[in-house]
Amino acid sequence: MDIRATEFSLADAKARLSELVQRAEAGEEITIKRHGKPVARLSSVSTPKRSKEETLRSWQEWFEYRDRKGITLGPDLTIDDLLSDTRG
């Protein structure tokens, strides 16, 4: 996930607050400065949603890791077997 950091003066932030909130919701981290010094940070309360491409890339990375490490459930074990054991 690409999180960008951007800085604004307090006066600019006040004038563009609605826009900055939308950008924060999208995952951007906004730093607000007073007299050139950082005084506040605006960021999303929740984690931004990942795009389909990012989700797919994440799964592909997991499959590559799994295959490289040889991670399996076992030779005769399936997900259904695991679920039936826990419900049991």
PDB file of N, CA and C in Angstrom:
ATOM      1  N   MET A   1       0.832  -1.149   0.000  1.00  0.00           N
ATOM      2  CA  MET A   1       0.000   0.000   0.000  1.00  0.00           C
ATOM      3  C   MET A   1       0.890   1.230   0.000  1.00  0.00           C
ATOM      4  N   ASP A   2       0.523   2.171  -0.842  1.00  0.00           N
ATOM      5  CA  ASP A   2       1.323   3.379  -0.983  1.00  0.00           C
ATOM      6  C   ASP A   2       0.684   4.499  -0.177  1.00  0.00           C
ATOM      7  N   ILE A   3       1.300   4.880   0.942  1.00  0.00           N
ATOM      8  CA  ILE A   3       0.797   5.984   1.739  1.00  0.00           C
ATOM      9  C   ILE A   3       1.697   7.187   1.499  1.00  0.00           C
ATOM     10  N   ARG A   4       1.092   8.272   1.000  1.00  0.00           N
ATOM     11  CA  ARG A   4       1.846   9.474   0.704  1.00  0.00           C
ATOM     12  C   ARG A   4       1.763  10.435   1.883  1.00  0.00           C
ATOM     13  N   ALA A   5       2.818  11.184   2.101  1.00  0.00           N
ATOM     14  CA  ALA A   5       2.830  12.198   3.154  1.00  0.00           C
ATOM     15  C   ALA A   5       2.914  13.560   2.484  1.00  0.00           C
ATOM     16  N   THR A   6       2.068  14.472   2.932  1.00  0.00           N
ATOM     17  CA  THR A   6       2.021  15.800   2.356  1.00  0.00           C
ATOM     18  C   THR A   6       1.957  16.821   3.489  1.00  0.00           C
ATOM     19  N   GLU A   7       2.571  17.969   3.263  1.00  0.00           N
ATOM     20  CA  GLU A   7       2.603  19.017   4.284  1.00  0.00           C
ATOM     21  C   GLU A   7       1.871  20.260   3.793  1.00  0.00           C
ATOM     22  N   PHE A   8       1.133  20.901   4.731  1.00  0.00           N
ATOM     23  CA  PHE A   8       0.406  22.129   4.448  1.00  0.00           C
ATOM     24  C   PHE A   8       0.587  23.095   5.609  1.00  0.00           C
ATOM     25  N   SER A   9       0.591  24.374   5.278  1.00  0.00           N
ATOM     26  CA  SER A   9       0.586  25.377   6.342  1.00  0.00           C
ATOM     27  C   SER A   9      -0.797  25.361   6.986  1.00  0.00           C
ATOM     28  N   LEU A  10      -0.896  25.865   8.179  1.00  0.00           N
ATOM     29  CA  LEU A  10      -2.173  25.897   8.883  1.00  0.00           C
ATOM     30  C   LEU A  10      -3.197  26.691   8.090  1.00  0.00           C
ATOM     31  N   ALA A  11      -2.795  27.820   7.526  1.00  0.00           N
ATOM     32  CA  ALA A  11      -3.726  28.646   6.744  1.00  0.00           C
ATOM     33  C   ALA A  11      -4.240  27.881   5.523  1.00  0.00           C
ATOM     34  N   ASP A  12      -3.343  27.187   4.803  1.00  0.00           N
ATOM     35  CA  ASP A  12      -3.763  26.399   3.642  1.00  0.00           C
ATOM     36  C   ASP A  12      -4.675  25.249   4.063  1.00  0.00           C
ATOM     37  N   ALA A  13      -4.341  24.598   5.169  1.00  0.00           N
ATOM     38  CA  ALA A  13      -5.151  23.477   5.655  1.00  0.00           C
ATOM     39  C   ALA A  13      -6.561  23.946   6.010  1.00  0.00           C
ATOM     40  N   LYS A  14      -6.673  25.103   6.642  1.00  0.00           N
ATOM     41  CA  LYS A  14      -7.998  25.645   6.990  1.00  0.00           C
ATOM     42  C   LYS A  14      -8.810  25.920   5.724  1.00  0.00           C
ATOM     43  N   ALA A  15      -8.155  26.452   4.712  1.00  0.00           N
ATOM     44  CA  ALA A  15      -8.862  26.795   3.485  1.00  0.00           C
ATOM     45  C   ALA A  15      -9.262  25.553   2.680  1.00  0.00           C
ATOM     46  N   ARG A  16      -8.543  24.444   2.865  1.00  0.00           N
ATOM     47  CA  ARG A  16      -8.762  23.238   2.052  1.00  0.00           C
ATOM     48  C   ARG A  16      -9.157  22.035   2.898  1.00  0.00           C
ATOM     49  N   LEU A  17      -9.746  22.273   4.074  1.00  0.00           N
ATOM     50  CA  LEU A  17     -10.008  21.192   5.020  1.00  0.00           C
ATOM     51  C   LEU A  17     -10.816  20.048   4.416  1.00  0.00           C
ATOM     52  N   SER A  18     -11.882  20.353   3.704  1.00  0.00           N
ATOM     53  CA  SER A  18     -12.713  19.299   3.124  1.00  0.00           C
ATOM     54  C   SER A  18     -11.899  18.413   2.180  1.00  0.00           C
ATOM     55  N   GLU A  19     -11.108  19.022   1.331  1.00  0.00           N
ATOM     56  CA  GLU A  19     -10.256  18.271   0.404  1.00  0.00           C
ATOM     57  C   GLU A  19      -9.243  17.420   1.157  1.00  0.00           C
ATOM     58  N   LEU A  20      -8.640  18.000   2.202  1.00  0.00           N
ATOM     59  CA  LEU A  20      -7.623  17.265   2.956  1.00  0.00           C
ATOM     60  C   LEU A  20      -8.216  16.074   3.696  1.00  0.00           C
ATOM     61  N   VAL A  21      -9.435  16.223   4.189  1.00  0.00           N
ATOM     62  CA  VAL A  21     -10.107  15.093   4.848  1.00  0.00           C
ATOM     63  C   VAL A  21     -10.346  13.974   3.841  1.00  0.00           C
ATOM     64  N   GLN A  22     -10.778  14.312   2.641  1.00  0.00           N
ATOM     65  CA  GLN A  22     -10.979  13.286   1.606  1.00  0.00           C
ATOM     66  C   GLN A  22      -9.667  12.586   1.276  1.00  0.00           C
ATOM     67  N   ARG A  23      -8.601  13.348   1.184  1.00  0.00           N
ATOM     68  CA  ARG A  23      -7.295  12.750   0.882  1.00  0.00           C
ATOM     69  C   ARG A  23      -6.833  11.840   2.019  1.00  0.00           C
ATOM     70  N   ALA A  24      -7.090  12.247   3.258  1.00  0.00           N
ATOM     71  CA  ALA A  24      -6.731  11.413   4.410  1.00  0.00           C
ATOM     72  C   ALA A  24      -7.538  10.112   4.393  1.00  0.00           C
ATOM     73  N   GLU A  25      -8.821  10.219   4.063  1.00  0.00           N
ATOM     74  CA  GLU A  25      -9.659   9.015   3.976  1.00  0.00           C
ATOM     75  C   GLU A  25      -9.128   8.042   2.933  1.00  0.00           C
ATOM     76  N   ALA A  26      -8.503   8.574   1.902  1.00  0.00           N
ATOM     77  CA  ALA A  26      -7.954   7.736   0.834  1.00  0.00           C
ATOM     78  C   ALA A  26      -6.593   7.155   1.197  1.00  0.00           C
ATOM     79  N   GLY A  27      -6.076   7.502   2.382  1.00  0.00           N
ATOM     80  CA  GLY A  27      -4.826   6.898   2.833  1.00  0.00           C
ATOM     81  C   GLY A  27      -3.646   7.837   2.896  1.00  0.00           C
ATOM     82  N   GLU A  28      -3.844   9.075   2.510  1.00  0.00           N
ATOM     83  CA  GLU A  28      -2.740  10.033   2.546  1.00  0.00           C
ATOM     84  C   GLU A  28      -2.581  10.586   3.964  1.00  0.00           C
ATOM     85  N   GLU A  29      -1.361  10.792   4.370  1.00  0.00           N
ATOM     86  CA  GLU A  29      -1.095  11.373   5.685  1.00  0.00           C
ATOM     87  C   GLU A  29      -0.744  12.851   5.486  1.00  0.00           C
ATOM     88  N   ILE A  30      -1.503  13.724   6.126  1.00  0.00           N
ATOM     89  CA  ILE A  30      -1.339  15.164   5.955  1.00  0.00           C
ATOM     90  C   ILE A  30      -0.702  15.737   7.220  1.00  0.00           C
ATOM     91  N   THR A  31       0.412  16.431   7.052  1.00  0.00           N
ATOM     92  CA  THR A  31       1.065  17.113   8.170  1.00  0.00           C
ATOM     93  C   THR A  31       0.740  18.594   8.069  1.00  0.00           C
ATOM     94  N   ILE A  32       0.311  19.176   9.182  1.00  0.00           N
ATOM     95  CA  ILE A  32      -0.029  20.601   9.223  1.00  0.00           C
ATOM     96  C   ILE A  32       1.053  21.318  10.012  1.00  0.00           C
ATOM     97  N   LYS A  33       1.544  22.405   9.410  1.00  0.00           N
ATOM     98  CA  LYS A  33       2.647  23.152  10.027  1.00  0.00           C
ATOM     99  C   LYS A  33       2.192  24.557  10.426  1.00  0.00           C
ATOM    100  N   ARG A  34       2.763  25.035  11.510  1.00  0.00           N
ATOM    101  CA  ARG A  34       2.569  26.423  11.926  1.00  0.00           C
ATOM    102  C   ARG A  34       3.959  27.040  12.005  1.00  0.00           C
ATOM    103  N   HIS A  35       4.169  28.123  11.283  1.00  0.00           N
ATOM    104  CA  HIS A  35       5.468  28.797  11.229  1.00  0.00           C
ATOM    105  C   HIS A  35       6.581  27.816  10.847  1.00  0.00           C
ATOM    106  N   GLY A  36       6.248  26.899   9.919  1.00  0.00           N
ATOM    107  CA  GLY A  36       7.242  25.973   9.397  1.00  0.00           C
ATOM    108  C   GLY A  36       7.510  24.744  10.248  1.00  0.00           C
ATOM    109  N   LYS A  37       6.845  24.640  11.409  1.00  0.00           N
ATOM    110  CA  LYS A  37       7.056  23.483  12.287  1.00  0.00           C
ATOM    111  C   LYS A  37       5.812  22.601  12.316  1.00  0.00           C
ATOM    112  N   PRO A  38       5.989  21.285  12.201  1.00  0.00           N
ATOM    113  CA  PRO A  38       4.830  20.376  12.256  1.00  0.00           C
ATOM    114  C   PRO A  38       4.123  20.480  13.605  1.00  0.00           C
ATOM    115  N   VAL A  39       2.785  20.640  13.564  1.00  0.00           N
ATOM    116  CA  VAL A  39       2.017  20.746  14.801  1.00  0.00           C
ATOM    117  C   VAL A  39       0.866  19.744  14.873  1.00  0.00           C
ATOM    118  N   ALA A  40       0.463  19.190  13.717  1.00  0.00           N
ATOM    119  CA  ALA A  40      -0.662  18.247  13.720  1.00  0.00           C
ATOM    120  C   ALA A  40      -0.551  17.328  12.512  1.00  0.00           C
ATOM    121  N   ARG A  41      -1.233  16.192  12.627  1.00  0.00           N
ATOM    122  CA  ARG A  41      -1.249  15.224  11.527  1.00  0.00           C
ATOM    123  C   ARG A  41      -2.691  14.802  11.290  1.00  0.00           C
ATOM    124  N   LEU A  42      -3.087  14.771  10.039  1.00  0.00           N
ATOM    125  CA  LEU A  42      -4.428  14.351   9.645  1.00  0.00           C
ATOM    126  C   LEU A  42      -4.289  13.029   8.912  1.00  0.00           C
ATOM    127  N   SER A  43      -4.977  12.004   9.425  1.00  0.00           N
ATOM    128  CA  SER A  43      -4.927  10.689   8.790  1.00  0.00           C
ATOM    129  C   SER A  43      -6.263  10.002   8.967  1.00  0.00           C
ATOM    130  N   SER A  44      -6.474   8.951   8.231  1.00  0.00           N
ATOM    131  CA  SER A  44      -7.724   8.206   8.291  1.00  0.00           C
ATOM    132  C   SER A  44      -7.828   7.432   9.605  1.00  0.00           C
ATOM    133  N   VAL A  45      -9.025   7.350  10.138  1.00  0.00           N
ATOM    134  CA  VAL A  45      -9.266   6.562  11.343  1.00  0.00           C
ATOM    135  C   VAL A  45      -9.205   5.079  11.012  1.00  0.00           C
ATOM    136  N   SER A  46      -9.722   4.716   9.856  1.00  0.00           N
ATOM    137  CA  SER A  46      -9.700   3.311   9.441  1.00  0.00           C
ATOM    138  C   SER A  46      -8.647   3.102   8.364  1.00  0.00           C
ATOM    139  N   THR A  47      -8.268   1.862   8.203  1.00  0.00           N
ATOM    140  CA  THR A  47      -7.300   1.510   7.172  1.00  0.00           C
ATOM    141  C   THR A  47      -7.956   1.667   5.809  1.00  0.00           C
ATOM    142  N   PRO A  48      -7.295   2.348   4.888  1.00  0.00           N
ATOM    143  CA  PRO A  48      -7.895   2.502   3.562  1.00  0.00           C
ATOM    144  C   PRO A  48      -8.106   1.153   2.895  1.00  0.00           C
ATOM    145  N   LYS A  49      -9.169   1.043   2.134  1.00  0.00           N
ATOM    146  CA  LYS A  49      -9.454  -0.199   1.428  1.00  0.00           C
ATOM    147  C   LYS A  49      -8.425  -0.409   0.331  1.00  0.00           C
ATOM    148  N   ARG A  50      -8.034  -1.661   0.181  1.00  0.00           N
ATOM    149  CA  ARG A  50      -7.073  -1.993  -0.870  1.00  0.00           C
ATOM    150  C   ARG A  50      -7.808  -2.180  -2.180  1.00  0.00           C
ATOM    151  N   SER A  51      -7.142  -1.824  -3.249  1.00  0.00           N
ATOM    152  CA  SER A  51      -7.715  -2.032  -4.573  1.00  0.00           C
ATOM    153  C   SER A  51      -7.702  -3.520  -4.902  1.00  0.00           C
ATOM    154  N   LYS A  52      -8.443  -3.881  -5.926  1.00  0.00           N
ATOM    155  CA  LYS A  52      -8.451  -5.284  -6.366  1.00  0.00           C
ATOM    156  C   LYS A  52      -7.042  -5.728  -6.738  1.00  0.00           C
ATOM    157  N   GLU A  53      -6.301  -4.825  -7.385  1.00  0.00           N
ATOM    158  CA  GLU A  53      -4.939  -5.161  -7.801  1.00  0.00           C
ATOM    159  C   GLU A  53      -4.049  -5.421  -6.596  1.00  0.00           C
ATOM    160  N   GLU A  54      -4.181  -4.589  -5.551  1.00  0.00           N
ATOM    161  CA  GLU A  54      -3.365  -4.782  -4.346  1.00  0.00           C
ATOM    162  C   GLU A  54      -3.738  -6.073  -3.637  1.00  0.00           C
ATOM    163  N   THR A  55      -5.020  -6.388  -3.585  1.00  0.00           N
ATOM    164  CA  THR A  55      -5.462  -7.632  -2.950  1.00  0.00           C
ATOM    165  C   THR A  55      -4.945  -8.842  -3.724  1.00  0.00           C
ATOM    166  N   LEU A  56      -5.057  -8.785  -5.050  1.00  0.00           N
ATOM    167  CA  LEU A  56      -4.565  -9.875  -5.879  1.00  0.00           C
ATOM    168  C   LEU A  56      -3.059 -10.055  -5.708  1.00  0.00           C
ATOM    169  N   ARG A  57      -2.315  -8.937  -5.689  1.00  0.00           N
ATOM    170  CA  ARG A  57      -0.864  -8.999  -5.516  1.00  0.00           C
ATOM    171  C   ARG A  57      -0.523  -9.622  -4.161  1.00  0.00           C
ATOM    172  N   SER A  58      -1.290  -9.277  -3.123  1.00  0.00           N
ATOM    173  CA  SER A  58      -1.060  -9.831  -1.797  1.00  0.00           C
ATOM    174  C   SER A  58      -1.256 -11.352  -1.798  1.00  0.00           C
ATOM    175  N   TRP A  59      -2.323 -11.825  -2.452  1.00  0.00           N
ATOM    176  CA  TRP A  59      -2.557 -13.266  -2.533  1.00  0.00           C
ATOM    177  C   TRP A  59      -1.472 -13.953  -3.343  1.00  0.00           C
ATOM    178  N   GLN A  60      -1.068 -13.320  -4.433  1.00  0.00           N
ATOM    179  CA  GLN A  60      -0.020 -13.909  -5.257  1.00  0.00           C
ATOM    180  C   GLN A  60       1.277 -14.039  -4.461  1.00  0.00           C
ATOM    181  N   GLU A  61       1.585 -13.018  -3.659  1.00  0.00           N
ATOM    182  CA  GLU A  61       2.784 -13.078  -2.823  1.00  0.00           C
ATOM    183  C   GLU A  61       2.676 -14.212  -1.815  1.00  0.00           C
ATOM    184  N   TRP A  62       1.491 -14.415  -1.230  1.00  0.00           N
ATOM    185  CA  TRP A  62       1.303 -15.508  -0.280  1.00  0.00           C
ATOM    186  C   TRP A  62       1.506 -16.857  -0.968  1.00  0.00           C
ATOM    187  N   PHE A  63       0.914 -17.041  -2.152  1.00  0.00           N
ATOM    188  CA  PHE A  63       1.060 -18.313  -2.864  1.00  0.00           C
ATOM    189  C   PHE A  63       2.523 -18.581  -3.210  1.00  0.00           C
ATOM    190  N   GLU A  64       3.226 -17.544  -3.637  1.00  0.00           N
ATOM    191  CA  GLU A  64       4.650 -17.718  -3.944  1.00  0.00           C
ATOM    192  C   GLU A  64       5.434 -18.098  -2.690  1.00  0.00           C
ATOM    193  N   TYR A  65       5.144 -17.461  -1.556  1.00  0.00           N
ATOM    194  CA  TYR A  65       5.799 -17.772  -0.286  1.00  0.00           C
ATOM    195  C   TYR A  65       5.487 -19.207   0.125  1.00  0.00           C
ATOM    196  N   ARG A  66       4.204 -19.569   0.040  1.00  0.00           N
ATOM    197  CA  ARG A  66       3.779 -20.923   0.414  1.00  0.00           C
ATOM    198  C   ARG A  66       4.497 -21.968  -0.415  1.00  0.00           C
ATOM    199  N   ASP A  67       4.557 -21.736  -1.724  1.00  0.00           N
ATOM    200  CA  ASP A  67       5.210 -22.704  -2.608  1.00  0.00           C
ATOM    201  C   ASP A  67       6.712 -22.764  -2.351  1.00  0.00           C
ATOM    202  N   ARG A  68       7.327 -21.615  -2.089  1.00  0.00           N
ATOM    203  CA  ARG A  68       8.768 -21.565  -1.832  1.00  0.00           C
ATOM    204  C   ARG A  68       9.109 -22.290  -0.526  1.00  0.00           C
ATOM    205  N   LYS A  69       8.280 -22.149   0.497  1.00  0.00           N
ATOM    206  CA  LYS A  69       8.541 -22.762   1.801  1.00  0.00           C
ATOM    207  C   LYS A  69       7.995 -24.183   1.911  1.00  0.00           C
ATOM    208  N   GLY A  70       7.172 -24.588   0.933  1.00  0.00           N
ATOM    209  CA  GLY A  70       6.611 -25.939   0.975  1.00  0.00           C
ATOM    210  C   GLY A  70       5.537 -26.097   2.041  1.00  0.00           C
ATOM    211  N   ILE A  71       4.795 -25.035   2.325  1.00  0.00           N
ATOM    212  CA  ILE A  71       3.749 -25.079   3.348  1.00  0.00           C
ATOM    213  C   ILE A  71       2.525 -25.791   2.779  1.00  0.00           C
ATOM    214  N   THR A  72       2.061 -26.806   3.503  1.00  0.00           N
ATOM    215  CA  THR A  72       0.865 -27.550   3.086  1.00  0.00           C
ATOM    216  C   THR A  72       0.038 -27.866   4.320  1.00  0.00           C
ATOM    217  N   LEU A  73      -1.172 -28.340   4.075  1.00  0.00           N
ATOM    218  CA  LEU A  73      -2.005 -28.819   5.167  1.00  0.00           C
ATOM    219  C   LEU A  73      -1.589 -30.235   5.567  1.00  0.00           C
ATOM    220  N   GLY A  74      -0.929 -30.899   4.698  1.00  0.00           N
ATOM    221  CA  GLY A  74      -0.531 -32.280   4.926  1.00  0.00           C
ATOM    222  C   GLY A  74      -0.945 -33.112   3.729  1.00  0.00           C
ATOM    223  N   PRO A  75      -0.395 -34.314   3.608  1.00  0.00           N
ATOM    224  CA  PRO A  75      -0.663 -35.108   2.406  1.00  0.00           C
ATOM    225  C   PRO A  75      -2.115 -35.541   2.264  1.00  0.00           C
ATOM    226  N   ASP A  76      -2.812 -35.803   3.377  1.00  0.00           N
ATOM    227  CA  ASP A  76      -4.190 -36.303   3.292  1.00  0.00           C
ATOM    228  C   ASP A  76      -5.171 -35.399   4.038  1.00  0.00           C
ATOM    229  N   LEU A  77      -4.803 -34.153   4.260  1.00  0.00           N
ATOM    230  CA  LEU A  77      -5.637 -33.265   5.051  1.00  0.00           C
ATOM    231  C   LEU A  77      -6.229 -32.174   4.173  1.00  0.00           C
ATOM    232  N   THR A  78      -7.530 -31.944   4.330  1.00  0.00           N
ATOM    233  CA  THR A  78      -8.205 -30.896   3.569  1.00  0.00           C
ATOM    234  C   THR A  78      -8.790 -29.866   4.532  1.00  0.00           C
ATOM    235  N   ILE A  79      -9.217 -28.767   4.000  1.00  0.00           N
ATOM    236  CA  ILE A  79      -9.887 -27.748   4.806  1.00  0.00           C
ATOM    237  C   ILE A  79     -11.144 -28.338   5.444  1.00  0.00           C
ATOM    238  N   ASP A  80     -11.897 -29.137   4.683  1.00  0.00           N
ATOM    239  CA  ASP A  80     -13.104 -29.766   5.224  1.00  0.00           C
ATOM    240  C   ASP A  80     -12.770 -30.640   6.433  1.00  0.00           C
ATOM    241  N   ASP A  81     -11.654 -31.371   6.375  1.00  0.00           N
ATOM    242  CA  ASP A  81     -11.230 -32.196   7.518  1.00  0.00           C
ATOM    243  C   ASP A  81     -10.986 -31.309   8.743  1.00  0.00           C
ATOM    244  N   LEU A  82     -10.305 -30.188   8.529  1.00  0.00           N
ATOM    245  CA  LEU A  82     -10.021 -29.288   9.646  1.00  0.00           C
ATOM    246  C   LEU A  82     -11.320 -28.735  10.238  1.00  0.00           C
ATOM    247  N   LEU A  83     -12.242 -28.319   9.390  1.00  0.00           N
ATOM    248  CA  LEU A  83     -13.503 -27.759   9.870  1.00  0.00           C
ATOM    249  C   LEU A  83     -14.334 -28.803  10.610  1.00  0.00           C
ATOM    250  N   SER A  84     -14.372 -30.029  10.113  1.00  0.00           N
ATOM    251  CA  SER A  84     -15.161 -31.069  10.774  1.00  0.00           C
ATOM    252  C   SER A  84     -14.558 -31.420  12.130  1.00  0.00           C
ATOM    253  N   ASP A  85     -13.233 -31.348  12.286  1.00  0.00           N
ATOM    254  CA  ASP A  85     -12.590 -31.626  13.564  1.00  0.00           C
ATOM    255  C   ASP A  85     -12.961 -30.571  14.605  1.00  0.00           C
ATOM    256  N   THR A  86     -13.113 -29.310  14.188  1.00  0.00           N
ATOM    257  CA  THR A  86     -13.390 -28.255  15.155  1.00  0.00           C
ATOM    258  C   THR A  86     -14.874 -28.175  15.500  1.00  0.00           C
ATOM    259  N   ARG A  87     -15.728 -28.680  14.641  1.00  0.00           N
ATOM    260  CA  ARG A  87     -17.160 -28.617  14.906  1.00  0.00           C
ATOM    261  C   ARG A  87     -17.659 -29.823  15.676  1.00  0.00           C
ATOM    262  N   GLY A  88     -16.857 -30.830  15.696  1.00  0.00           N
ATOM    263  CA  GLY A  88     -17.202 -31.934  16.291  1.00  0.00           C
ATOM    264  C   GLY A  88     -17.631 -32.938  17.000  1.00  0.00           C
TER     265      GLY A  88
END
